[in-house]
Amino acid sequence: EADVITAFVEKPKDPPAIPGQPDVALASMGIYVFRTRFLIEQ
């Protein structure tokens, strides 16, 4: 409910819906924000 990602599924046959919106899913745009230090560690 807080938009915290609990799972990332690549090209799923049955995409998970947004809580409270059963017909809508969140698809990745390929845009990511990191703190630089954390990104470099990863």
PDB file of all heavy atoms in Angstrom:
ATOM      1  N   GLU A   1       0.815  -1.229   0.000  1.00  0.00           N
ATOM      2  CA  GLU A   1       0.000   0.000   0.000  1.00  0.00           C
ATOM      3  C   GLU A   1       0.842   1.269   0.000  1.00  0.00           C
ATOM      4  O   GLU A   1       0.388   2.328  -0.419  1.00  0.00           O
ATOM      5  CB  GLU A   1      -0.939   0.010   1.221  1.00  0.00           C
ATOM      6  CG  GLU A   1      -2.135  -0.928   1.111  1.00  0.00           C
ATOM      7  CD  GLU A   1      -1.763  -2.386   1.380  1.00  0.00           C
ATOM      8  OE1 GLU A   1      -0.587  -2.640   1.741  1.00  0.00           O
ATOM      9  OE2 GLU A   1      -2.627  -3.258   1.215  1.00  0.00           O
ATOM     10  N   ALA A   2       2.091   1.176   0.462  1.00  0.00           N
ATOM     11  CA  ALA A   2       2.981   2.350   0.507  1.00  0.00           C
ATOM     12  C   ALA A   2       3.885   2.429  -0.721  1.00  0.00           C
ATOM     13  O   ALA A   2       4.842   3.207  -0.743  1.00  0.00           O
ATOM     14  CB  ALA A   2       3.821   2.305   1.781  1.00  0.00           C
ATOM     15  N   ASP A   3       3.610   1.624  -1.737  1.00  0.00           N
ATOM     16  CA  ASP A   3       4.405   1.558  -2.977  1.00  0.00           C
ATOM     17  C   ASP A   3       5.824   1.041  -2.748  1.00  0.00           C
ATOM     18  O   ASP A   3       6.719   1.270  -3.573  1.00  0.00           O
ATOM     19  CB  ASP A   3       4.437   2.910  -3.706  1.00  0.00           C
ATOM     20  CG  ASP A   3       3.181   3.120  -4.557  1.00  0.00           C
ATOM     21  OD1 ASP A   3       2.419   2.154  -4.732  1.00  0.00           O
ATOM     22  OD2 ASP A   3       2.980   4.244  -5.051  1.00  0.00           O
ATOM     23  N   VAL A   4       6.034   0.356  -1.630  1.00  0.00           N
ATOM     24  CA  VAL A   4       7.305  -0.363  -1.447  1.00  0.00           C
ATOM     25  C   VAL A   4       7.247  -1.639  -2.290  1.00  0.00           C
ATOM     26  O   VAL A   4       6.258  -2.376  -2.259  1.00  0.00           O
ATOM     27  CB  VAL A   4       7.538  -0.708   0.039  1.00  0.00           C
ATOM     28  CG1 VAL A   4       8.782  -1.581   0.201  1.00  0.00           C
ATOM     29  CG2 VAL A   4       7.683   0.572   0.851  1.00  0.00           C
ATOM     30  N   ILE A   5       8.301  -1.872  -3.063  1.00  0.00           N
ATOM     31  CA  ILE A   5       8.314  -3.010  -3.984  1.00  0.00           C
ATOM     32  C   ILE A   5       8.632  -4.288  -3.199  1.00  0.00           C
ATOM     33  O   ILE A   5       9.676  -4.376  -2.533  1.00  0.00           O
ATOM     34  CB  ILE A   5       9.348  -2.795  -5.103  1.00  0.00           C
ATOM     35  CG1 ILE A   5       9.020  -1.516  -5.892  1.00  0.00           C
ATOM     36  CG2 ILE A   5       9.386  -4.000  -6.049  1.00  0.00           C
ATOM     37  CD1 ILE A   5      10.125  -1.054  -6.830  1.00  0.00           C
ATOM     38  N   THR A   6       7.726  -5.260  -3.283  1.00  0.00           N
ATOM     39  CA  THR A   6       7.937  -6.528  -2.576  1.00  0.00           C
ATOM     40  C   THR A   6       8.442  -7.628  -3.497  1.00  0.00           C
ATOM     41  O   THR A   6       8.995  -8.618  -3.034  1.00  0.00           O
ATOM     42  CB  THR A   6       6.618  -6.994  -1.915  1.00  0.00           C
ATOM     43  OG1 THR A   6       5.598  -7.084  -2.925  1.00  0.00           O
ATOM     44  CG2 THR A   6       6.175  -5.994  -0.855  1.00  0.00           C
ATOM     45  N   ALA A   7       8.254  -7.448  -4.795  1.00  0.00           N
ATOM     46  CA  ALA A   7       8.764  -8.419  -5.772  1.00  0.00           C
ATOM     47  C   ALA A   7       8.910  -7.745  -7.125  1.00  0.00           C
ATOM     48  O   ALA A   7       8.133  -6.846  -7.470  1.00  0.00           O
ATOM     49  CB  ALA A   7       7.830  -9.625  -5.887  1.00  0.00           C
ATOM     50  N   PHE A   8       9.937  -8.167  -7.865  1.00  0.00           N
ATOM     51  CA  PHE A   8      10.153  -7.662  -9.222  1.00  0.00           C
ATOM     52  C   PHE A   8      10.077  -8.864 -10.157  1.00  0.00           C
ATOM     53  O   PHE A   8      10.855  -9.799 -10.043  1.00  0.00           O
ATOM     54  CB  PHE A   8      11.523  -6.989  -9.316  1.00  0.00           C
ATOM     55  CG  PHE A   8      11.844  -6.454 -10.688  1.00  0.00           C
ATOM     56  CD1 PHE A   8      11.525  -5.155 -11.034  1.00  0.00           C
ATOM     57  CD2 PHE A   8      12.469  -7.248 -11.634  1.00  0.00           C
ATOM     58  CE1 PHE A   8      11.823  -4.662 -12.293  1.00  0.00           C
ATOM     59  CE2 PHE A   8      12.766  -6.761 -12.902  1.00  0.00           C
ATOM     60  CZ  PHE A   8      12.444  -5.461 -13.228  1.00  0.00           C
ATOM     61  N   VAL A   9       9.103  -8.847 -11.073  1.00  0.00           N
ATOM     62  CA  VAL A   9       8.869 -10.004 -11.938  1.00  0.00           C
ATOM     63  C   VAL A   9       9.093  -9.589 -13.393  1.00  0.00           C
ATOM     64  O   VAL A   9       8.474  -8.637 -13.882  1.00  0.00           O
ATOM     65  CB  VAL A   9       7.418 -10.532 -11.783  1.00  0.00           C
ATOM     66  CG1 VAL A   9       7.304 -11.925 -12.365  1.00  0.00           C
ATOM     67  CG2 VAL A   9       6.983 -10.530 -10.328  1.00  0.00           C
ATOM     68  N   GLU A  10       9.984 -10.276 -14.083  1.00  0.00           N
ATOM     69  CA  GLU A  10      10.297  -9.942 -15.474  1.00  0.00           C
ATOM     70  C   GLU A  10       9.337 -10.646 -16.425  1.00  0.00           C
ATOM     71  O   GLU A  10       9.257 -11.867 -16.448  1.00  0.00           O
ATOM     72  CB  GLU A  10      11.749 -10.353 -15.787  1.00  0.00           C
ATOM     73  CG  GLU A  10      12.286  -9.816 -17.106  1.00  0.00           C
ATOM     74  CD  GLU A  10      12.495  -8.311 -17.106  1.00  0.00           C
ATOM     75  OE1 GLU A  10      13.096  -7.791 -16.163  1.00  0.00           O
ATOM     76  OE2 GLU A  10      12.023  -7.666 -18.055  1.00  0.00           O
ATOM     77  N   LYS A  11       8.574  -9.867 -17.192  1.00  0.00           N
ATOM     78  CA  LYS A  11       7.647 -10.357 -18.219  1.00  0.00           C
ATOM     79  C   LYS A  11       6.765 -11.512 -17.720  1.00  0.00           C
ATOM     80  O   LYS A  11       6.812 -12.629 -18.244  1.00  0.00           O
ATOM     81  CB  LYS A  11       8.430 -10.774 -19.471  1.00  0.00           C
ATOM     82  CG  LYS A  11       9.163  -9.604 -20.108  1.00  0.00           C
ATOM     83  CD  LYS A  11       9.898  -9.974 -21.378  1.00  0.00           C
ATOM     84  CE  LYS A  11      10.579  -8.742 -21.960  1.00  0.00           C
ATOM     85  NZ  LYS A  11      11.387  -9.020 -23.152  1.00  0.00           N
ATOM     86  N   PRO A  12       5.952 -11.267 -16.686  1.00  0.00           N
ATOM     87  CA  PRO A  12       5.130 -12.335 -16.109  1.00  0.00           C
ATOM     88  C   PRO A  12       3.908 -12.659 -16.977  1.00  0.00           C
ATOM     89  O   PRO A  12       3.376 -11.792 -17.664  1.00  0.00           O
ATOM     90  CB  PRO A  12       4.688 -11.736 -14.771  1.00  0.00           C
ATOM     91  CG  PRO A  12       4.646 -10.265 -15.035  1.00  0.00           C
ATOM     92  CD  PRO A  12       5.736  -9.969 -16.026  1.00  0.00           C
ATOM     93  N   LYS A  13       3.488 -13.920 -16.942  1.00  0.00           N
ATOM     94  CA  LYS A  13       2.268 -14.310 -17.665  1.00  0.00           C
ATOM     95  C   LYS A  13       1.021 -13.763 -16.953  1.00  0.00           C
ATOM     96  O   LYS A  13       0.016 -13.459 -17.594  1.00  0.00           O
ATOM     97  CB  LYS A  13       2.183 -15.836 -17.762  1.00  0.00           C
ATOM     98  CG  LYS A  13       3.183 -16.465 -18.720  1.00  0.00           C
ATOM     99  CD  LYS A  13       2.855 -17.939 -18.939  1.00  0.00           C
ATOM    100  CE  LYS A  13       3.732 -18.555 -20.025  1.00  0.00           C
ATOM    101  NZ  LYS A  13       5.105 -18.777 -19.599  1.00  0.00           N
ATOM    102  N   ASP A  14       1.097 -13.652 -15.608  1.00  0.00           N
ATOM    103  CA  ASP A  14      -0.028 -13.148 -14.820  1.00  0.00           C
ATOM    104  C   ASP A  14       0.476 -12.000 -13.930  1.00  0.00           C
ATOM    105  O   ASP A  14       0.808 -12.207 -12.763  1.00  0.00           O
ATOM    106  CB  ASP A  14      -0.616 -14.281 -13.966  1.00  0.00           C
ATOM    107  CG  ASP A  14      -1.868 -13.834 -13.213  1.00  0.00           C
ATOM    108  OD1 ASP A  14      -2.545 -12.905 -13.698  1.00  0.00           O
ATOM    109  OD2 ASP A  14      -2.154 -14.413 -12.147  1.00  0.00           O
ATOM    110  N   PRO A  15       0.546 -10.771 -14.472  1.00  0.00           N
ATOM    111  CA  PRO A  15       1.160  -9.667 -13.739  1.00  0.00           C
ATOM    112  C   PRO A  15       0.428  -9.346 -12.434  1.00  0.00           C
ATOM    113  O   PRO A  15      -0.806  -9.364 -12.391  1.00  0.00           O
ATOM    114  CB  PRO A  15       1.048  -8.482 -14.717  1.00  0.00           C
ATOM    115  CG  PRO A  15       0.846  -9.099 -16.060  1.00  0.00           C
ATOM    116  CD  PRO A  15       0.084 -10.361 -15.812  1.00  0.00           C
ATOM    117  N   PRO A  16       1.183  -9.054 -11.361  1.00  0.00           N
ATOM    118  CA  PRO A  16       0.543  -8.679 -10.093  1.00  0.00           C
ATOM    119  C   PRO A  16      -0.093  -7.292 -10.194  1.00  0.00           C
ATOM    120  O   PRO A  16       0.462  -6.387 -10.826  1.00  0.00           O
ATOM    121  CB  PRO A  16       1.711  -8.671  -9.094  1.00  0.00           C
ATOM    122  CG  PRO A  16       2.938  -8.483  -9.934  1.00  0.00           C
ATOM    123  CD  PRO A  16       2.654  -9.118 -11.252  1.00  0.00           C
ATOM    124  N   ALA A  17      -1.259  -7.118  -9.583  1.00  0.00           N
ATOM    125  CA  ALA A  17      -1.990  -5.852  -9.643  1.00  0.00           C
ATOM    126  C   ALA A  17      -1.543  -4.924  -8.515  1.00  0.00           C
ATOM    127  O   ALA A  17      -0.926  -5.345  -7.532  1.00  0.00           O
ATOM    128  CB  ALA A  17      -3.489  -6.117  -9.546  1.00  0.00           C
ATOM    129  N   ILE A  18      -1.879  -3.643  -8.667  1.00  0.00           N
ATOM    130  CA  ILE A  18      -1.652  -2.661  -7.607  1.00  0.00           C
ATOM    131  C   ILE A  18      -2.715  -2.865  -6.527  1.00  0.00           C
ATOM    132  O   ILE A  18      -3.890  -3.086  -6.846  1.00  0.00           O
ATOM    133  CB  ILE A  18      -1.762  -1.229  -8.180  1.00  0.00           C
ATOM    134  CG1 ILE A  18      -0.730  -1.015  -9.287  1.00  0.00           C
ATOM    135  CG2 ILE A  18      -1.612  -0.178  -7.096  1.00  0.00           C
ATOM    136  CD1 ILE A  18      -0.888   0.302 -10.028  1.00  0.00           C
ATOM    137  N   PRO A  19      -2.340  -2.811  -5.235  1.00  0.00           N
ATOM    138  CA  PRO A  19      -3.345  -2.938  -4.169  1.00  0.00           C
ATOM    139  C   PRO A  19      -4.470  -1.914  -4.348  1.00  0.00           C
ATOM    140  O   PRO A  19      -4.215  -0.720  -4.511  1.00  0.00           O
ATOM    141  CB  PRO A  19      -2.536  -2.656  -2.895  1.00  0.00           C
ATOM    142  CG  PRO A  19      -1.134  -3.031  -3.246  1.00  0.00           C
ATOM    143  CD  PRO A  19      -0.978  -2.701  -4.691  1.00  0.00           C
ATOM    144  N   GLY A  20      -5.704  -2.405  -4.356  1.00  0.00           N
ATOM    145  CA  GLY A  20      -6.864  -1.543  -4.526  1.00  0.00           C
ATOM    146  C   GLY A  20      -7.216  -1.233  -5.962  1.00  0.00           C
ATOM    147  O   GLY A  20      -8.243  -0.618  -6.244  1.00  0.00           O
ATOM    148  N   GLN A  21      -6.354  -1.648  -6.903  1.00  0.00           N
ATOM    149  CA  GLN A  21      -6.627  -1.447  -8.336  1.00  0.00           C
ATOM    150  C   GLN A  21      -6.370  -2.767  -9.074  1.00  0.00           C
ATOM    151  O   GLN A  21      -5.310  -2.968  -9.653  1.00  0.00           O
ATOM    152  CB  GLN A  21      -5.744  -0.342  -8.919  1.00  0.00           C
ATOM    153  CG  GLN A  21      -6.014   1.051  -8.352  1.00  0.00           C
ATOM    154  CD  GLN A  21      -5.050   2.082  -8.900  1.00  0.00           C
ATOM    155  OE1 GLN A  21      -3.970   2.298  -8.356  1.00  0.00           O
ATOM    156  NE2 GLN A  21      -5.428   2.723  -9.997  1.00  0.00           N
ATOM    157  N   PRO A  22      -7.333  -3.676  -9.045  1.00  0.00           N
ATOM    158  CA  PRO A  22      -7.105  -5.036  -9.540  1.00  0.00           C
ATOM    159  C   PRO A  22      -6.827  -5.129 -11.037  1.00  0.00           C
ATOM    160  O   PRO A  22      -6.298  -6.140 -11.507  1.00  0.00           O
ATOM    161  CB  PRO A  22      -8.416  -5.761  -9.192  1.00  0.00           C
ATOM    162  CG  PRO A  22      -9.434  -4.672  -9.010  1.00  0.00           C
ATOM    163  CD  PRO A  22      -8.687  -3.498  -8.488  1.00  0.00           C
ATOM    164  N   ASP A  23      -7.138  -4.082 -11.808  1.00  0.00           N
ATOM    165  CA  ASP A  23      -6.939  -4.135 -13.260  1.00  0.00           C
ATOM    166  C   ASP A  23      -5.711  -3.359 -13.725  1.00  0.00           C
ATOM    167  O   ASP A  23      -5.496  -3.184 -14.926  1.00  0.00           O
ATOM    168  CB  ASP A  23      -8.184  -3.592 -13.986  1.00  0.00           C
ATOM    169  CG  ASP A  23      -9.416  -4.440 -13.707  1.00  0.00           C
ATOM    170  OD1 ASP A  23      -9.264  -5.669 -13.562  1.00  0.00           O
ATOM    171  OD2 ASP A  23     -10.523  -3.861 -13.614  1.00  0.00           O
ATOM    172  N   VAL A  24      -4.906  -2.871 -12.769  1.00  0.00           N
ATOM    173  CA  VAL A  24      -3.752  -2.035 -13.117  1.00  0.00           C
ATOM    174  C   VAL A  24      -2.479  -2.640 -12.525  1.00  0.00           C
ATOM    175  O   VAL A  24      -2.476  -3.126 -11.392  1.00  0.00           O
ATOM    176  CB  VAL A  24      -3.939  -0.590 -12.591  1.00  0.00           C
ATOM    177  CG1 VAL A  24      -2.759   0.295 -13.000  1.00  0.00           C
ATOM    178  CG2 VAL A  24      -5.242   0.002 -13.114  1.00  0.00           C
ATOM    179  N   ALA A  25      -1.400  -2.612 -13.326  1.00  0.00           N
ATOM    180  CA  ALA A  25      -0.098  -3.085 -12.852  1.00  0.00           C
ATOM    181  C   ALA A  25       0.931  -1.967 -13.002  1.00  0.00           C
ATOM    182  O   ALA A  25       0.734  -1.009 -13.766  1.00  0.00           O
ATOM    183  CB  ALA A  25       0.334  -4.317 -13.635  1.00  0.00           C
ATOM    184  N   LEU A  26       2.032  -2.085 -12.254  1.00  0.00           N
ATOM    185  CA  LEU A  26       3.124  -1.113 -12.351  1.00  0.00           C
ATOM    186  C   LEU A  26       4.268  -1.721 -13.170  1.00  0.00           C
ATOM    187  O   LEU A  26       4.875  -2.713 -12.764  1.00  0.00           O
ATOM    188  CB  LEU A  26       3.633  -0.735 -10.959  1.00  0.00           C
ATOM    189  CG  LEU A  26       2.772   0.216 -10.131  1.00  0.00           C
ATOM    190  CD1 LEU A  26       3.436   0.477  -8.783  1.00  0.00           C
ATOM    191  CD2 LEU A  26       2.543   1.535 -10.862  1.00  0.00           C
ATOM    192  N   ALA A  27       4.558  -1.117 -14.320  1.00  0.00           N
ATOM    193  CA  ALA A  27       5.612  -1.608 -15.204  1.00  0.00           C
ATOM    194  C   ALA A  27       6.835  -0.701 -15.099  1.00  0.00           C
ATOM    195  O   ALA A  27       6.716   0.530 -15.056  1.00  0.00           O
ATOM    196  CB  ALA A  27       5.111  -1.645 -16.645  1.00  0.00           C
ATOM    197  N   SER A  28       8.012  -1.304 -15.076  1.00  0.00           N
ATOM    198  CA  SER A  28       9.248  -0.535 -14.949  1.00  0.00           C
ATOM    199  C   SER A  28       9.517   0.291 -16.209  1.00  0.00           C
ATOM    200  O   SER A  28       9.367  -0.185 -17.328  1.00  0.00           O
ATOM    201  CB  SER A  28      10.430  -1.467 -14.696  1.00  0.00           C
ATOM    202  OG  SER A  28      11.654  -0.753 -14.765  1.00  0.00           O
ATOM    203  N   MET A  29       9.940   1.551 -16.014  1.00  0.00           N
ATOM    204  CA  MET A  29      10.302   2.436 -17.126  1.00  0.00           C
ATOM    205  C   MET A  29      11.795   2.396 -17.411  1.00  0.00           C
ATOM    206  O   MET A  29      12.279   3.071 -18.327  1.00  0.00           O
ATOM    207  CB  MET A  29       9.915   3.883 -16.795  1.00  0.00           C
ATOM    208  CG  MET A  29       8.450   4.108 -16.511  1.00  0.00           C
ATOM    209  SD  MET A  29       8.157   5.763 -15.833  1.00  0.00           S
ATOM    210  CE  MET A  29       8.514   6.809 -17.240  1.00  0.00           C
ATOM    211  N   GLY A  30      12.554   1.646 -16.629  1.00  0.00           N
ATOM    212  CA  GLY A  30      14.000   1.653 -16.795  1.00  0.00           C
ATOM    213  C   GLY A  30      14.645   2.925 -16.263  1.00  0.00           C
ATOM    214  O   GLY A  30      15.717   3.333 -16.718  1.00  0.00           O
ATOM    215  N   ILE A  31      13.986   3.567 -15.277  1.00  0.00           N
ATOM    216  CA  ILE A  31      14.512   4.776 -14.629  1.00  0.00           C
ATOM    217  C   ILE A  31      14.744   4.456 -13.155  1.00  0.00           C
ATOM    218  O   ILE A  31      13.830   3.988 -12.478  1.00  0.00           O
ATOM    219  CB  ILE A  31      13.531   5.956 -14.755  1.00  0.00           C
ATOM    220  CG1 ILE A  31      13.281   6.289 -16.221  1.00  0.00           C
ATOM    221  CG2 ILE A  31      14.039   7.183 -14.007  1.00  0.00           C
ATOM    222  CD1 ILE A  31      12.221   7.364 -16.425  1.00  0.00           C
ATOM    223  N   TYR A  32      15.968   4.704 -12.681  1.00  0.00           N
ATOM    224  CA  TYR A  32      16.314   4.349 -11.300  1.00  0.00           C
ATOM    225  C   TYR A  32      17.042   5.512 -10.633  1.00  0.00           C
ATOM    226  O   TYR A  32      17.897   6.158 -11.253  1.00  0.00           O
ATOM    227  CB  TYR A  32      17.234   3.115 -11.265  1.00  0.00           C
ATOM    228  CG  TYR A  32      16.766   1.976 -12.128  1.00  0.00           C
ATOM    229  CD1 TYR A  32      17.441   1.641 -13.305  1.00  0.00           C
ATOM    230  CD2 TYR A  32      15.639   1.225 -11.797  1.00  0.00           C
ATOM    231  CE1 TYR A  32      17.018   0.589 -14.117  1.00  0.00           C
ATOM    232  CE2 TYR A  32      15.199   0.182 -12.600  1.00  0.00           C
ATOM    233  CZ  TYR A  32      15.896  -0.132 -13.756  1.00  0.00           C
ATOM    234  OH  TYR A  32      15.470  -1.161 -14.559  1.00  0.00           O
ATOM    235  N   VAL A  33      16.721   5.757  -9.352  1.00  0.00           N
ATOM    236  CA  VAL A  33      17.429   6.758  -8.556  1.00  0.00           C
ATOM    237  C   VAL A  33      18.113   6.061  -7.388  1.00  0.00           C
ATOM    238  O   VAL A  33      17.485   5.260  -6.675  1.00  0.00           O
ATOM    239  CB  VAL A  33      16.465   7.849  -8.039  1.00  0.00           C
ATOM    240  CG1 VAL A  33      17.173   8.771  -7.053  1.00  0.00           C
ATOM    241  CG2 VAL A  33      15.907   8.668  -9.195  1.00  0.00           C
ATOM    242  N   PHE A  34      19.400   6.360  -7.205  1.00  0.00           N
ATOM    243  CA  PHE A  34      20.201   5.807  -6.101  1.00  0.00           C
ATOM    244  C   PHE A  34      20.985   6.944  -5.437  1.00  0.00           C
ATOM    245  O   PHE A  34      21.308   7.944  -6.091  1.00  0.00           O
ATOM    246  CB  PHE A  34      21.270   4.824  -6.604  1.00  0.00           C
ATOM    247  CG  PHE A  34      20.786   3.624  -7.348  1.00  0.00           C
ATOM    248  CD1 PHE A  34      20.577   3.673  -8.724  1.00  0.00           C
ATOM    249  CD2 PHE A  34      20.604   2.409  -6.699  1.00  0.00           C
ATOM    250  CE1 PHE A  34      20.178   2.550  -9.429  1.00  0.00           C
ATOM    251  CE2 PHE A  34      20.216   1.282  -7.395  1.00  0.00           C
ATOM    252  CZ  PHE A  34      19.997   1.351  -8.761  1.00  0.00           C
ATOM    253  N   ARG A  35      21.350   6.739  -4.173  1.00  0.00           N
ATOM    254  CA  ARG A  35      22.477   7.491  -3.630  1.00  0.00           C
ATOM    255  C   ARG A  35      23.729   6.925  -4.300  1.00  0.00           C
ATOM    256  O   ARG A  35      23.881   5.709  -4.425  1.00  0.00           O
ATOM    257  CB  ARG A  35      22.586   7.315  -2.112  1.00  0.00           C
ATOM    258  CG  ARG A  35      21.751   8.293  -1.334  1.00  0.00           C
ATOM    259  CD  ARG A  35      22.101   8.281   0.150  1.00  0.00           C
ATOM    260  NE  ARG A  35      21.245   9.207   0.871  1.00  0.00           N
ATOM    261  CZ  ARG A  35      21.494  10.494   1.039  1.00  0.00           C
ATOM    262  NH1 ARG A  35      22.612  11.004   0.558  1.00  0.00           N
ATOM    263  NH2 ARG A  35      20.658  11.264   1.697  1.00  0.00           N
ATOM    264  N   THR A  36      24.624   7.798  -4.711  1.00  0.00           N
ATOM    265  CA  THR A  36      25.780   7.355  -5.502  1.00  0.00           C
ATOM    266  C   THR A  36      26.615   6.328  -4.746  1.00  0.00           C
ATOM    267  O   THR A  36      27.030   5.303  -5.315  1.00  0.00           O
ATOM    268  CB  THR A  36      26.654   8.569  -5.882  1.00  0.00           C
ATOM    269  OG1 THR A  36      25.832   9.548  -6.515  1.00  0.00           O
ATOM    270  CG2 THR A  36      27.768   8.156  -6.825  1.00  0.00           C
ATOM    271  N   ARG A  37      26.842   6.575  -3.463  1.00  0.00           N
ATOM    272  CA  ARG A  37      27.697   5.660  -2.695  1.00  0.00           C
ATOM    273  C   ARG A  37      27.081   4.260  -2.639  1.00  0.00           C
ATOM    274  O   ARG A  37      27.774   3.257  -2.799  1.00  0.00           O
ATOM    275  CB  ARG A  37      27.902   6.219  -1.277  1.00  0.00           C
ATOM    276  CG  ARG A  37      29.002   5.479  -0.488  1.00  0.00           C
ATOM    277  CD  ARG A  37      29.275   6.125   0.860  1.00  0.00           C
ATOM    278  NE  ARG A  37      29.708   7.504   0.716  1.00  0.00           N
ATOM    279  CZ  ARG A  37      29.073   8.535   1.276  1.00  0.00           C
ATOM    280  NH1 ARG A  37      27.982   8.344   1.992  1.00  0.00           N
ATOM    281  NH2 ARG A  37      29.526   9.758   1.128  1.00  0.00           N
ATOM    282  N   PHE A  38      25.767   4.198  -2.438  1.00  0.00           N
ATOM    283  CA  PHE A  38      25.077   2.905  -2.385  1.00  0.00           C
ATOM    284  C   PHE A  38      25.136   2.208  -3.746  1.00  0.00           C
ATOM    285  O   PHE A  38      25.370   0.998  -3.828  1.00  0.00           O
ATOM    286  CB  PHE A  38      23.616   3.105  -1.953  1.00  0.00           C
ATOM    287  CG  PHE A  38      22.808   1.835  -1.948  1.00  0.00           C
ATOM    288  CD1 PHE A  38      22.886   0.952  -0.874  1.00  0.00           C
ATOM    289  CD2 PHE A  38      21.990   1.508  -3.025  1.00  0.00           C
ATOM    290  CE1 PHE A  38      22.152  -0.232  -0.875  1.00  0.00           C
ATOM    291  CE2 PHE A  38      21.254   0.325  -3.026  1.00  0.00           C
ATOM    292  CZ  PHE A  38      21.342  -0.544  -1.946  1.00  0.00           C
ATOM    293  N   LEU A  39      24.934   2.960  -4.827  1.00  0.00           N
ATOM    294  CA  LEU A  39      24.981   2.373  -6.170  1.00  0.00           C
ATOM    295  C   LEU A  39      26.351   1.759  -6.445  1.00  0.00           C
ATOM    296  O   LEU A  39      26.442   0.629  -6.957  1.00  0.00           O
ATOM    297  CB  LEU A  39      24.662   3.444  -7.214  1.00  0.00           C
ATOM    298  CG  LEU A  39      24.858   3.025  -8.682  1.00  0.00           C
ATOM    299  CD1 LEU A  39      23.956   1.855  -9.047  1.00  0.00           C
ATOM    300  CD2 LEU A  39      24.627   4.201  -9.620  1.00  0.00           C
ATOM    301  N   ILE A  40      27.402   2.480  -6.093  1.00  0.00           N
ATOM    302  CA  ILE A  40      28.755   1.974  -6.361  1.00  0.00           C
ATOM    303  C   ILE A  40      29.011   0.691  -5.574  1.00  0.00           C
ATOM    304  O   ILE A  40      29.594  -0.272  -6.096  1.00  0.00           O
ATOM    305  CB  ILE A  40      29.795   3.070  -6.044  1.00  0.00           C
ATOM    306  CG1 ILE A  40      29.686   4.188  -7.092  1.00  0.00           C
ATOM    307  CG2 ILE A  40      31.211   2.490  -6.004  1.00  0.00           C
ATOM    308  CD1 ILE A  40      30.517   5.417  -6.791  1.00  0.00           C
ATOM    309  N   GLU A  41      28.540   0.646  -4.323  1.00  0.00           N
ATOM    310  CA  GLU A  41      28.675  -0.594  -3.533  1.00  0.00           C
ATOM    311  C   GLU A  41      27.972  -1.754  -4.226  1.00  0.00           C
ATOM    312  O   GLU A  41      28.517  -2.872  -4.312  1.00  0.00           O
ATOM    313  CB  GLU A  41      28.066  -0.388  -2.133  1.00  0.00           C
ATOM    314  CG  GLU A  41      28.867   0.515  -1.222  1.00  0.00           C
ATOM    315  CD  GLU A  41      28.082   0.855   0.045  1.00  0.00           C
ATOM    316  OE1 GLU A  41      26.949   0.324   0.211  1.00  0.00           O
ATOM    317  OE2 GLU A  41      28.585   1.659   0.869  1.00  0.00           O
ATOM    318  N   GLN A  42      26.772  -1.509  -4.736  1.00  0.00           N
ATOM    319  CA  GLN A  42      26.001  -2.569  -5.405  1.00  0.00           C
ATOM    320  C   GLN A  42      26.668  -3.009  -6.706  1.00  0.00           C
ATOM    321  O   GLN A  42      26.659  -4.198  -7.047  1.00  0.00           O
ATOM    322  CB  GLN A  42      24.570  -2.084  -5.681  1.00  0.00           C
ATOM    323  CG  GLN A  42      23.728  -1.899  -4.441  1.00  0.00           C
ATOM    324  CD  GLN A  42      23.622  -3.186  -3.635  1.00  0.00           C
ATOM    325  OE1 GLN A  42      23.314  -4.251  -4.160  1.00  0.00           O
ATOM    326  NE2 GLN A  42      23.898  -3.084  -2.340  1.00  0.00           N
TER     327      GLN A  42
END
